[in-house]
PDB file of all heavy atoms in Angstrom:
ATOM      1  N   GLN A   1       5.183  -6.451  -6.827  1.00  0.00           N
ATOM      2  CA  GLN A   1       4.759  -7.704  -6.207  1.00  0.00           C
ATOM      3  C   GLN A   1       4.003  -8.626  -7.150  1.00  0.00           C
ATOM      4  O   GLN A   1       3.762  -9.780  -6.815  1.00  0.00           O
ATOM      5  CB  GLN A   1       3.839  -7.383  -5.008  1.00  0.00           C
ATOM      6  CG  GLN A   1       4.508  -6.568  -3.923  1.00  0.00           C
ATOM      7  CD  GLN A   1       3.550  -6.115  -2.855  1.00  0.00           C
ATOM      8  OE1 GLN A   1       2.336  -6.266  -2.965  1.00  0.00           O
ATOM      9  NE2 GLN A   1       4.083  -5.557  -1.764  1.00  0.00           N
ATOM     10  N   LEU A   2       3.646  -8.139  -8.341  1.00  0.00           N
ATOM     11  CA  LEU A   2       2.838  -8.927  -9.282  1.00  0.00           C
ATOM     12  C   LEU A   2       3.705  -9.717 -10.261  1.00  0.00           C
ATOM     13  O   LEU A   2       4.783  -9.255 -10.635  1.00  0.00           O
ATOM     14  CB  LEU A   2       1.913  -8.028 -10.068  1.00  0.00           C
ATOM     15  CG  LEU A   2       0.809  -7.293  -9.306  1.00  0.00           C
ATOM     16  CD1 LEU A   2      -0.005  -6.414 -10.236  1.00  0.00           C
ATOM     17  CD2 LEU A   2      -0.093  -8.273  -8.570  1.00  0.00           C
ATOM     18  N   PRO A   3       3.208 -10.876 -10.725  1.00  0.00           N
ATOM     19  CA  PRO A   3       3.971 -11.662 -11.694  1.00  0.00           C
ATOM     20  C   PRO A   3       3.808 -11.147 -13.119  1.00  0.00           C
ATOM     21  O   PRO A   3       4.604 -11.453 -14.021  1.00  0.00           O
ATOM     22  CB  PRO A   3       3.374 -13.077 -11.576  1.00  0.00           C
ATOM     23  CG  PRO A   3       1.978 -12.836 -11.079  1.00  0.00           C
ATOM     24  CD  PRO A   3       2.045 -11.606 -10.201  1.00  0.00           C
ATOM     25  N   SER A   4       2.729 -10.351 -13.378  1.00  0.00           N
ATOM     26  CA  SER A   4       2.508  -9.847 -14.737  1.00  0.00           C
ATOM     27  C   SER A   4       1.640  -8.586 -14.683  1.00  0.00           C
ATOM     28  O   SER A   4       1.040  -8.253 -13.662  1.00  0.00           O
ATOM     29  CB  SER A   4       1.813 -10.914 -15.612  1.00  0.00           C
ATOM     30  OG  SER A   4       0.562 -11.244 -15.065  1.00  0.00           O
ATOM     31  N   TYR A   5       1.564  -7.912 -15.811  1.00  0.00           N
ATOM     32  CA  TYR A   5       0.773  -6.727 -15.974  1.00  0.00           C
ATOM     33  C   TYR A   5      -0.701  -7.062 -15.811  1.00  0.00           C
ATOM     34  O   TYR A   5      -1.203  -7.985 -16.449  1.00  0.00           O
ATOM     35  CB  TYR A   5       1.056  -6.126 -17.371  1.00  0.00           C
ATOM     36  CG  TYR A   5       0.335  -4.838 -17.701  1.00  0.00           C
ATOM     37  CD1 TYR A   5       0.451  -3.746 -16.877  1.00  0.00           C
ATOM     38  CD2 TYR A   5      -0.439  -4.735 -18.849  1.00  0.00           C
ATOM     39  CE1 TYR A   5      -0.203  -2.557 -17.197  1.00  0.00           C
ATOM     40  CE2 TYR A   5      -1.071  -3.545 -19.182  1.00  0.00           C
ATOM     41  CZ  TYR A   5      -0.970  -2.465 -18.332  1.00  0.00           C
ATOM     42  OH  TYR A   5      -1.604  -1.287 -18.653  1.00  0.00           O
ATOM     43  N   PRO A   6      -1.444  -6.346 -14.940  1.00  0.00           N
ATOM     44  CA  PRO A   6      -2.821  -6.723 -14.644  1.00  0.00           C
ATOM     45  C   PRO A   6      -3.754  -6.736 -15.847  1.00  0.00           C
ATOM     46  O   PRO A   6      -4.687  -7.545 -15.894  1.00  0.00           O
ATOM     47  CB  PRO A   6      -3.275  -5.646 -13.657  1.00  0.00           C
ATOM     48  CG  PRO A   6      -2.025  -5.078 -13.067  1.00  0.00           C
ATOM     49  CD  PRO A   6      -0.984  -5.206 -14.136  1.00  0.00           C
ATOM     50  N   GLU A   7      -3.529  -5.891 -16.842  1.00  0.00           N
ATOM     51  CA  GLU A   7      -4.407  -5.824 -18.002  1.00  0.00           C
ATOM     52  C   GLU A   7      -4.011  -6.832 -19.102  1.00  0.00           C
ATOM     53  O   GLU A   7      -4.764  -7.018 -20.056  1.00  0.00           O
ATOM     54  CB  GLU A   7      -4.421  -4.422 -18.577  1.00  0.00           C
ATOM     55  CG  GLU A   7      -5.349  -3.471 -17.862  1.00  0.00           C
ATOM     56  CD  GLU A   7      -4.848  -3.069 -16.493  1.00  0.00           C
ATOM     57  OE1 GLU A   7      -3.643  -2.848 -16.295  1.00  0.00           O
ATOM     58  OE2 GLU A   7      -5.659  -3.033 -15.557  1.00  0.00           O
ATOM     59  N   ASN A   8      -2.836  -7.442 -18.992  1.00  0.00           N
ATOM     60  CA  ASN A   8      -2.375  -8.375 -20.001  1.00  0.00           C
ATOM     61  C   ASN A   8      -1.374  -9.317 -19.380  1.00  0.00           C
ATOM     62  O   ASN A   8      -0.204  -8.999 -19.246  1.00  0.00           O
ATOM     63  CB  ASN A   8      -1.737  -7.604 -21.185  1.00  0.00           C
ATOM     64  CG  ASN A   8      -1.311  -8.504 -22.311  1.00  0.00           C
ATOM     65  OD1 ASN A   8      -1.201  -9.714 -22.159  1.00  0.00           O
ATOM     66  ND2 ASN A   8      -1.078  -7.928 -23.479  1.00  0.00           N
ATOM     67  N   GLY A   9      -1.815 -10.496 -19.026  1.00  0.00           N
ATOM     68  CA  GLY A   9      -0.993 -11.481 -18.331  1.00  0.00           C
ATOM     69  C   GLY A   9       0.181 -11.989 -19.122  1.00  0.00           C
ATOM     70  O   GLY A   9       1.084 -12.598 -18.570  1.00  0.00           O
ATOM     71  N   THR A  10       0.210 -11.728 -20.432  1.00  0.00           N
ATOM     72  CA  THR A  10       1.362 -12.172 -21.232  1.00  0.00           C
ATOM     73  C   THR A  10       2.574 -11.229 -21.066  1.00  0.00           C
ATOM     74  O   THR A  10       3.659 -11.605 -21.463  1.00  0.00           O
ATOM     75  CB  THR A  10       1.008 -12.249 -22.728  1.00  0.00           C
ATOM     76  OG1 THR A  10       0.687 -10.944 -23.224  1.00  0.00           O
ATOM     77  CG2 THR A  10      -0.163 -13.199 -22.945  1.00  0.00           C
ATOM     78  N   ILE A  11       2.348 -10.061 -20.454  1.00  0.00           N
ATOM     79  CA  ILE A  11       3.454  -9.155 -20.167  1.00  0.00           C
ATOM     80  C   ILE A  11       3.938  -9.486 -18.761  1.00  0.00           C
ATOM     81  O   ILE A  11       3.291  -9.127 -17.788  1.00  0.00           O
ATOM     82  CB  ILE A  11       3.047  -7.681 -20.296  1.00  0.00           C
ATOM     83  CG1 ILE A  11       2.540  -7.397 -21.736  1.00  0.00           C
ATOM     84  CG2 ILE A  11       4.190  -6.770 -19.935  1.00  0.00           C
ATOM     85  CD1 ILE A  11       1.923  -6.047 -21.918  1.00  0.00           C
ATOM     86  N   LYS A  12       5.046 -10.173 -18.676  1.00  0.00           N
ATOM     87  CA  LYS A  12       5.549 -10.656 -17.398  1.00  0.00           C
ATOM     88  C   LYS A  12       6.352  -9.602 -16.651  1.00  0.00           C
ATOM     89  O   LYS A  12       7.079  -8.824 -17.251  1.00  0.00           O
ATOM     90  CB  LYS A  12       6.417 -11.923 -17.575  1.00  0.00           C
ATOM     91  CG  LYS A  12       5.689 -13.052 -18.255  1.00  0.00           C
ATOM     92  CD  LYS A  12       4.495 -13.541 -17.472  1.00  0.00           C
ATOM     93  CE  LYS A  12       3.800 -14.694 -18.147  1.00  0.00           C
ATOM     94  NZ  LYS A  12       2.513 -14.965 -17.552  1.00  0.00           N
ATOM     95  N   PHE A  13       6.222  -9.598 -15.320  1.00  0.00           N
ATOM     96  CA  PHE A  13       7.022  -8.746 -14.434  1.00  0.00           C
ATOM     97  C   PHE A  13       7.989  -9.632 -13.680  1.00  0.00           C
ATOM     98  O   PHE A  13       7.634 -10.743 -13.269  1.00  0.00           O
ATOM     99  CB  PHE A  13       6.155  -8.009 -13.424  1.00  0.00           C
ATOM    100  CG  PHE A  13       5.306  -6.916 -14.015  1.00  0.00           C
ATOM    101  CD1 PHE A  13       4.188  -6.477 -13.306  1.00  0.00           C
ATOM    102  CD2 PHE A  13       5.582  -6.304 -15.211  1.00  0.00           C
ATOM    103  CE1 PHE A  13       3.381  -5.433 -13.792  1.00  0.00           C
ATOM    104  CE2 PHE A  13       4.813  -5.260 -15.710  1.00  0.00           C
ATOM    105  CZ  PHE A  13       3.704  -4.834 -14.990  1.00  0.00           C
ATOM    106  N   ASP A  14       9.161  -9.147 -13.457  1.00  0.00           N
ATOM    107  CA  ASP A  14      10.153  -9.869 -12.653  1.00  0.00           C
ATOM    108  C   ASP A  14      10.973  -8.834 -11.875  1.00  0.00           C
ATOM    109  O   ASP A  14      12.169  -8.714 -12.081  1.00  0.00           O
ATOM    110  CB  ASP A  14      11.045 -10.761 -13.497  1.00  0.00           C
ATOM    111  CG  ASP A  14      11.925 -11.668 -12.651  1.00  0.00           C
ATOM    112  OD1 ASP A  14      11.588 -11.888 -11.479  1.00  0.00           O
ATOM    113  OD2 ASP A  14      12.949 -12.135 -13.149  1.00  0.00           O
ATOM    114  N   TYR A  15      10.307  -8.105 -11.027  1.00  0.00           N
ATOM    115  CA  TYR A  15      11.005  -6.993 -10.302  1.00  0.00           C
ATOM    116  C   TYR A  15      11.442  -7.467  -8.925  1.00  0.00           C
ATOM    117  O   TYR A  15      12.585  -7.667  -8.693  1.00  0.00           O
ATOM    118  CB  TYR A  15      10.094  -5.780 -10.259  1.00  0.00           C
ATOM    119  CG  TYR A  15       9.843  -5.161 -11.604  1.00  0.00           C
ATOM    120  CD1 TYR A  15       8.577  -5.189 -12.195  1.00  0.00           C
ATOM    121  CD2 TYR A  15      10.872  -4.573 -12.329  1.00  0.00           C
ATOM    122  CE1 TYR A  15       8.356  -4.620 -13.441  1.00  0.00           C
ATOM    123  CE2 TYR A  15      10.648  -4.019 -13.579  1.00  0.00           C
ATOM    124  CZ  TYR A  15       9.400  -4.018 -14.112  1.00  0.00           C
ATOM    125  OH  TYR A  15       9.173  -3.473 -15.353  1.00  0.00           O
ATOM    126  N   HIS A  16      10.524  -7.604  -8.018  1.00  0.00           N
ATOM    127  CA  HIS A  16      10.803  -8.109  -6.648  1.00  0.00           C
ATOM    128  C   HIS A  16      11.898  -7.310  -5.936  1.00  0.00           C
ATOM    129  O   HIS A  16      12.777  -7.903  -5.296  1.00  0.00           O
ATOM    130  CB  HIS A  16      11.147  -9.589  -6.685  1.00  0.00           C
ATOM    131  CG  HIS A  16      10.155 -10.409  -7.457  1.00  0.00           C
ATOM    132  ND1 HIS A  16       8.869 -10.610  -7.052  1.00  0.00           N
ATOM    133  CD2 HIS A  16      10.287 -11.037  -8.659  1.00  0.00           C
ATOM    134  CE1 HIS A  16       8.230 -11.331  -7.947  1.00  0.00           C
ATOM    135  NE2 HIS A  16       9.046 -11.600  -8.942  1.00  0.00           N
ATOM    136  N   PHE A  17      11.853  -6.001  -6.019  1.00  0.00           N
ATOM    137  CA  PHE A  17      12.794  -5.161  -5.278  1.00  0.00           C
ATOM    138  C   PHE A  17      12.347  -5.081  -3.820  1.00  0.00           C
ATOM    139  O   PHE A  17      11.179  -5.342  -3.494  1.00  0.00           O
ATOM    140  CB  PHE A  17      12.891  -3.759  -5.872  1.00  0.00           C
ATOM    141  CG  PHE A  17      13.462  -3.738  -7.241  1.00  0.00           C
ATOM    142  CD1 PHE A  17      12.689  -3.513  -8.357  1.00  0.00           C
ATOM    143  CD2 PHE A  17      14.831  -3.952  -7.437  1.00  0.00           C
ATOM    144  CE1 PHE A  17      13.229  -3.494  -9.618  1.00  0.00           C
ATOM    145  CE2 PHE A  17      15.387  -3.932  -8.704  1.00  0.00           C
ATOM    146  CZ  PHE A  17      14.577  -3.712  -9.798  1.00  0.00           C
ATOM    147  N   VAL A  18      13.253  -4.758  -2.939  1.00  0.00           N
ATOM    148  CA  VAL A  18      12.930  -4.600  -1.520  1.00  0.00           C
ATOM    149  C   VAL A  18      12.558  -3.144  -1.292  1.00  0.00           C
ATOM    150  O   VAL A  18      13.359  -2.327  -0.828  1.00  0.00           O
ATOM    151  CB  VAL A  18      14.096  -5.035  -0.620  1.00  0.00           C
ATOM    152  CG1 VAL A  18      13.684  -4.957   0.848  1.00  0.00           C
ATOM    153  CG2 VAL A  18      14.544  -6.448  -0.975  1.00  0.00           C
ATOM    154  N   ILE A  19      11.294  -2.804  -1.647  1.00  0.00           N
ATOM    155  CA  ILE A  19      10.775  -1.473  -1.400  1.00  0.00           C
ATOM    156  C   ILE A  19      10.170  -1.471  -0.018  1.00  0.00           C
ATOM    157  O   ILE A  19       9.160  -2.134   0.215  1.00  0.00           O
ATOM    158  CB  ILE A  19       9.747  -1.081  -2.470  1.00  0.00           C
ATOM    159  CG1 ILE A  19      10.368  -1.129  -3.886  1.00  0.00           C
ATOM    160  CG2 ILE A  19       9.148   0.295  -2.184  1.00  0.00           C
ATOM    161  CD1 ILE A  19       9.375  -0.961  -5.015  1.00  0.00           C
ATOM    162  N   ARG A  20      10.798  -0.742   0.868  1.00  0.00           N
ATOM    163  CA  ARG A  20      10.353  -0.767   2.265  1.00  0.00           C
ATOM    164  C   ARG A  20       9.267   0.214   2.583  1.00  0.00           C
ATOM    165  O   ARG A  20       8.443  -0.020   3.457  1.00  0.00           O
ATOM    166  CB  ARG A  20      11.555  -0.522   3.181  1.00  0.00           C
ATOM    167  CG  ARG A  20      12.521  -1.671   3.232  1.00  0.00           C
ATOM    168  CD  ARG A  20      13.514  -1.429   4.323  1.00  0.00           C
ATOM    169  NE  ARG A  20      14.315  -2.628   4.538  1.00  0.00           N
ATOM    170  CZ  ARG A  20      15.133  -2.714   5.542  1.00  0.00           C
ATOM    171  NH1 ARG A  20      15.265  -1.725   6.403  1.00  0.00           N
ATOM    172  NH2 ARG A  20      15.835  -3.820   5.684  1.00  0.00           N
ATOM    173  N   SER A  21       9.282   1.357   1.860  1.00  0.00           N
ATOM    174  CA  SER A  21       8.299   2.373   2.208  1.00  0.00           C
ATOM    175  C   SER A  21       7.992   3.244   0.981  1.00  0.00           C
ATOM    176  O   SER A  21       8.821   3.373   0.066  1.00  0.00           O
ATOM    177  CB  SER A  21       8.794   3.250   3.338  1.00  0.00           C
ATOM    178  OG  SER A  21       9.977   3.936   2.978  1.00  0.00           O
ATOM    179  N   ILE A  22       6.790   3.786   1.004  1.00  0.00           N
ATOM    180  CA  ILE A  22       6.426   4.786   0.002  1.00  0.00           C
ATOM    181  C   ILE A  22       5.782   5.975   0.719  1.00  0.00           C
ATOM    182  O   ILE A  22       5.132   5.838   1.761  1.00  0.00           O
ATOM    183  CB  ILE A  22       5.472   4.232  -1.076  1.00  0.00           C
ATOM    184  CG1 ILE A  22       4.189   3.680  -0.504  1.00  0.00           C
ATOM    185  CG2 ILE A  22       6.169   3.149  -1.898  1.00  0.00           C
ATOM    186  CD1 ILE A  22       3.205   3.230  -1.553  1.00  0.00           C
ATOM    187  N   ILE A  23       6.016   7.138   0.121  1.00  0.00           N
ATOM    188  CA  ILE A  23       5.483   8.394   0.667  1.00  0.00           C
ATOM    189  C   ILE A  23       4.723   9.071  -0.466  1.00  0.00           C
ATOM    190  O   ILE A  23       5.267   9.321  -1.535  1.00  0.00           O
ATOM    191  CB  ILE A  23       6.602   9.328   1.174  1.00  0.00           C
ATOM    192  CG1 ILE A  23       7.358   8.622   2.305  1.00  0.00           C
ATOM    193  CG2 ILE A  23       6.021  10.655   1.638  1.00  0.00           C
ATOM    194  CD1 ILE A  23       8.621   9.352   2.774  1.00  0.00           C
ATOM    195  N   SER A  24       3.456   9.370  -0.208  1.00  0.00           N
ATOM    196  CA  SER A  24       2.612  10.054  -1.180  1.00  0.00           C
ATOM    197  C   SER A  24       2.327  11.461  -0.688  1.00  0.00           C
ATOM    198  O   SER A  24       1.752  11.623   0.395  1.00  0.00           O
ATOM    199  CB  SER A  24       1.322   9.276  -1.368  1.00  0.00           C
ATOM    200  OG  SER A  24       0.430   9.956  -2.208  1.00  0.00           O
ATOM    201  N   ILE A  25       2.727  12.446  -1.470  1.00  0.00           N
ATOM    202  CA  ILE A  25       2.516  13.872  -1.117  1.00  0.00           C
ATOM    203  C   ILE A  25       1.396  14.398  -2.006  1.00  0.00           C
ATOM    204  O   ILE A  25       1.571  14.493  -3.230  1.00  0.00           O
ATOM    205  CB  ILE A  25       3.796  14.688  -1.313  1.00  0.00           C
ATOM    206  CG1 ILE A  25       4.924  14.082  -0.477  1.00  0.00           C
ATOM    207  CG2 ILE A  25       3.547  16.136  -0.938  1.00  0.00           C
ATOM    208  CD1 ILE A  25       6.293  14.600  -0.804  1.00  0.00           C
ATOM    209  N   ALA A  26       0.252  14.726  -1.438  1.00  0.00           N
ATOM    210  CA  ALA A  26      -0.925  15.188  -2.181  1.00  0.00           C
ATOM    211  C   ALA A  26      -1.169  14.256  -3.367  1.00  0.00           C
ATOM    212  O   ALA A  26      -1.374  14.706  -4.497  1.00  0.00           O
ATOM    213  CB  ALA A  26      -0.742  16.657  -2.641  1.00  0.00           C
ATOM    214  N   GLY A  27      -1.133  12.981  -3.086  1.00  0.00           N
ATOM    215  CA  GLY A  27      -1.245  11.964  -4.137  1.00  0.00           C
ATOM    216  C   GLY A  27      -2.650  11.795  -4.657  1.00  0.00           C
ATOM    217  O   GLY A  27      -3.616  11.886  -3.913  1.00  0.00           O
ATOM    218  N   THR A  28      -2.720  11.504  -5.940  1.00  0.00           N
ATOM    219  CA  THR A  28      -4.001  11.090  -6.533  1.00  0.00           C
ATOM    220  C   THR A  28      -4.205   9.598  -6.234  1.00  0.00           C
ATOM    221  O   THR A  28      -3.290   8.904  -5.802  1.00  0.00           O
ATOM    222  CB  THR A  28      -4.029  11.324  -8.037  1.00  0.00           C
ATOM    223  OG1 THR A  28      -2.986  10.563  -8.669  1.00  0.00           O
ATOM    224  CG2 THR A  28      -3.834  12.790  -8.377  1.00  0.00           C
ATOM    225  N   ASP A  29      -5.408   9.134  -6.449  1.00  0.00           N
ATOM    226  CA  ASP A  29      -5.700   7.716  -6.284  1.00  0.00           C
ATOM    227  C   ASP A  29      -6.875   7.374  -7.192  1.00  0.00           C
ATOM    228  O   ASP A  29      -7.757   8.194  -7.441  1.00  0.00           O
ATOM    229  CB  ASP A  29      -6.065   7.413  -4.833  1.00  0.00           C
ATOM    230  CG  ASP A  29      -6.250   5.918  -4.617  1.00  0.00           C
ATOM    231  OD1 ASP A  29      -5.288   5.155  -4.887  1.00  0.00           O
ATOM    232  OD2 ASP A  29      -7.368   5.506  -4.213  1.00  0.00           O
ATOM    233  N   SER A  30      -6.813   6.183  -7.734  1.00  0.00           N
ATOM    234  CA  SER A  30      -7.898   5.619  -8.562  1.00  0.00           C
ATOM    235  C   SER A  30      -8.027   6.265  -9.914  1.00  0.00           C
ATOM    236  O   SER A  30      -9.060   6.078 -10.600  1.00  0.00           O
ATOM    237  CB  SER A  30      -9.245   5.668  -7.811  1.00  0.00           C
ATOM    238  OG  SER A  30      -9.148   4.911  -6.647  1.00  0.00           O
ATOM    239  N   GLN A  31      -7.053   7.051 -10.362  1.00  0.00           N
ATOM    240  CA  GLN A  31      -7.058   7.490 -11.768  1.00  0.00           C
ATOM    241  C   GLN A  31      -6.768   6.279 -12.636  1.00  0.00           C
ATOM    242  O   GLN A  31      -7.169   6.253 -13.787  1.00  0.00           O
ATOM    243  CB  GLN A  31      -6.030   8.610 -11.987  1.00  0.00           C
ATOM    244  CG  GLN A  31      -6.455   9.913 -11.350  1.00  0.00           C
ATOM    245  CD  GLN A  31      -5.537  11.045 -11.745  1.00  0.00           C
ATOM    246  OE1 GLN A  31      -4.516  10.870 -12.398  1.00  0.00           O
ATOM    247  NE2 GLN A  31      -5.902  12.264 -11.333  1.00  0.00           N
ATOM    248  N   TYR A  32      -6.056   5.334 -12.068  1.00  0.00           N
ATOM    249  CA  TYR A  32      -5.777   4.060 -12.730  1.00  0.00           C
ATOM    250  C   TYR A  32      -6.207   2.956 -11.767  1.00  0.00           C
ATOM    251  O   TYR A  32      -5.858   2.976 -10.586  1.00  0.00           O
ATOM    252  CB  TYR A  32      -4.294   3.929 -13.073  1.00  0.00           C
ATOM    253  CG  TYR A  32      -3.875   2.509 -13.413  1.00  0.00           C
ATOM    254  CD1 TYR A  32      -4.376   1.850 -14.518  1.00  0.00           C
ATOM    255  CD2 TYR A  32      -2.973   1.828 -12.605  1.00  0.00           C
ATOM    256  CE1 TYR A  32      -4.007   0.544 -14.827  1.00  0.00           C
ATOM    257  CE2 TYR A  32      -2.563   0.536 -12.901  1.00  0.00           C
ATOM    258  CZ  TYR A  32      -3.076  -0.093 -14.006  1.00  0.00           C
ATOM    259  OH  TYR A  32      -2.713  -1.380 -14.296  1.00  0.00           O
ATOM    260  N   LYS A  33      -6.987   2.020 -12.268  1.00  0.00           N
ATOM    261  CA  LYS A  33      -7.388   0.865 -11.479  1.00  0.00           C
ATOM    262  C   LYS A  33      -6.877  -0.380 -12.152  1.00  0.00           C
ATOM    263  O   LYS A  33      -7.380  -0.763 -13.221  1.00  0.00           O
ATOM    264  CB  LYS A  33      -8.904   0.817 -11.332  1.00  0.00           C
ATOM    265  CG  LYS A  33      -9.480   1.962 -10.521  1.00  0.00           C
ATOM    266  CD  LYS A  33     -10.976   1.848 -10.381  1.00  0.00           C
ATOM    267  CE  LYS A  33     -11.512   3.007  -9.531  1.00  0.00           C
ATOM    268  NZ  LYS A  33     -12.962   2.952  -9.397  1.00  0.00           N
ATOM    269  N   PRO A  34      -5.885  -1.053 -11.593  1.00  0.00           N
ATOM    270  CA  PRO A  34      -5.317  -2.277 -12.171  1.00  0.00           C
ATOM    271  C   PRO A  34      -6.379  -3.338 -12.339  1.00  0.00           C
ATOM    272  O   PRO A  34      -7.009  -3.748 -11.358  1.00  0.00           O
ATOM    273  CB  PRO A  34      -4.225  -2.703 -11.185  1.00  0.00           C
ATOM    274  CG  PRO A  34      -3.997  -1.497 -10.327  1.00  0.00           C
ATOM    275  CD  PRO A  34      -5.229  -0.705 -10.329  1.00  0.00           C
ATOM    276  N   ALA A  35      -6.599  -3.737 -13.590  1.00  0.00           N
ATOM    277  CA  ALA A  35      -7.631  -4.772 -13.933  1.00  0.00           C
ATOM    278  C   ALA A  35      -9.008  -4.358 -13.341  1.00  0.00           C
ATOM    279  O   ALA A  35      -9.766  -5.211 -12.922  1.00  0.00           O
ATOM    280  CB  ALA A  35      -7.210  -6.147 -13.418  1.00  0.00           C
ATOM    281  N   GLY A  36      -9.263  -3.032 -13.263  1.00  0.00           N
ATOM    282  CA  GLY A  36     -10.524  -2.560 -12.777  1.00  0.00           C
ATOM    283  C   GLY A  36     -10.661  -2.545 -11.268  1.00  0.00           C
ATOM    284  O   GLY A  36     -11.755  -2.269 -10.739  1.00  0.00           O
ATOM    285  N   GLN A  37      -9.596  -2.849 -10.545  1.00  0.00           N
ATOM    286  CA  GLN A  37      -9.634  -2.944  -9.073  1.00  0.00           C
ATOM    287  C   GLN A  37      -8.866  -1.765  -8.478  1.00  0.00           C
ATOM    288  O   GLN A  37      -7.999  -1.193  -9.115  1.00  0.00           O
ATOM    289  CB  GLN A  37      -8.986  -4.260  -8.621  1.00  0.00           C
ATOM    290  CG  GLN A  37      -9.619  -5.502  -9.208  1.00  0.00           C
ATOM    291  CD  GLN A  37     -11.054  -5.665  -8.800  1.00  0.00           C
ATOM    292  OE1 GLN A  37     -11.381  -5.574  -7.624  1.00  0.00           O
ATOM    293  NE2 GLN A  37     -11.940  -5.915  -9.762  1.00  0.00           N
ATOM    294  N   LEU A  38      -9.118  -1.487  -7.215  1.00  0.00           N
ATOM    295  CA  LEU A  38      -8.358  -0.498  -6.495  1.00  0.00           C
ATOM    296  C   LEU A  38      -6.927  -1.013  -6.293  1.00  0.00           C
ATOM    297  O   LEU A  38      -6.683  -2.208  -6.282  1.00  0.00           O
ATOM    298  CB  LEU A  38      -8.990  -0.172  -5.151  1.00  0.00           C
ATOM    299  CG  LEU A  38     -10.372   0.471  -5.192  1.00  0.00           C
ATOM    300  CD1 LEU A  38     -10.937   0.597  -3.771  1.00  0.00           C
ATOM    301  CD2 LEU A  38     -10.295   1.838  -5.865  1.00  0.00           C
TER     302      LEU A  38
END
């Protein structure tokens, strides 16, 4: 959903796939924080 990489805005993203759902099985969270955010 983002236009660019959160840590470096010069790295552009152009994905925009129709991802309808995600399933997390015993998923980790916050090991990575995009631009320091959740």
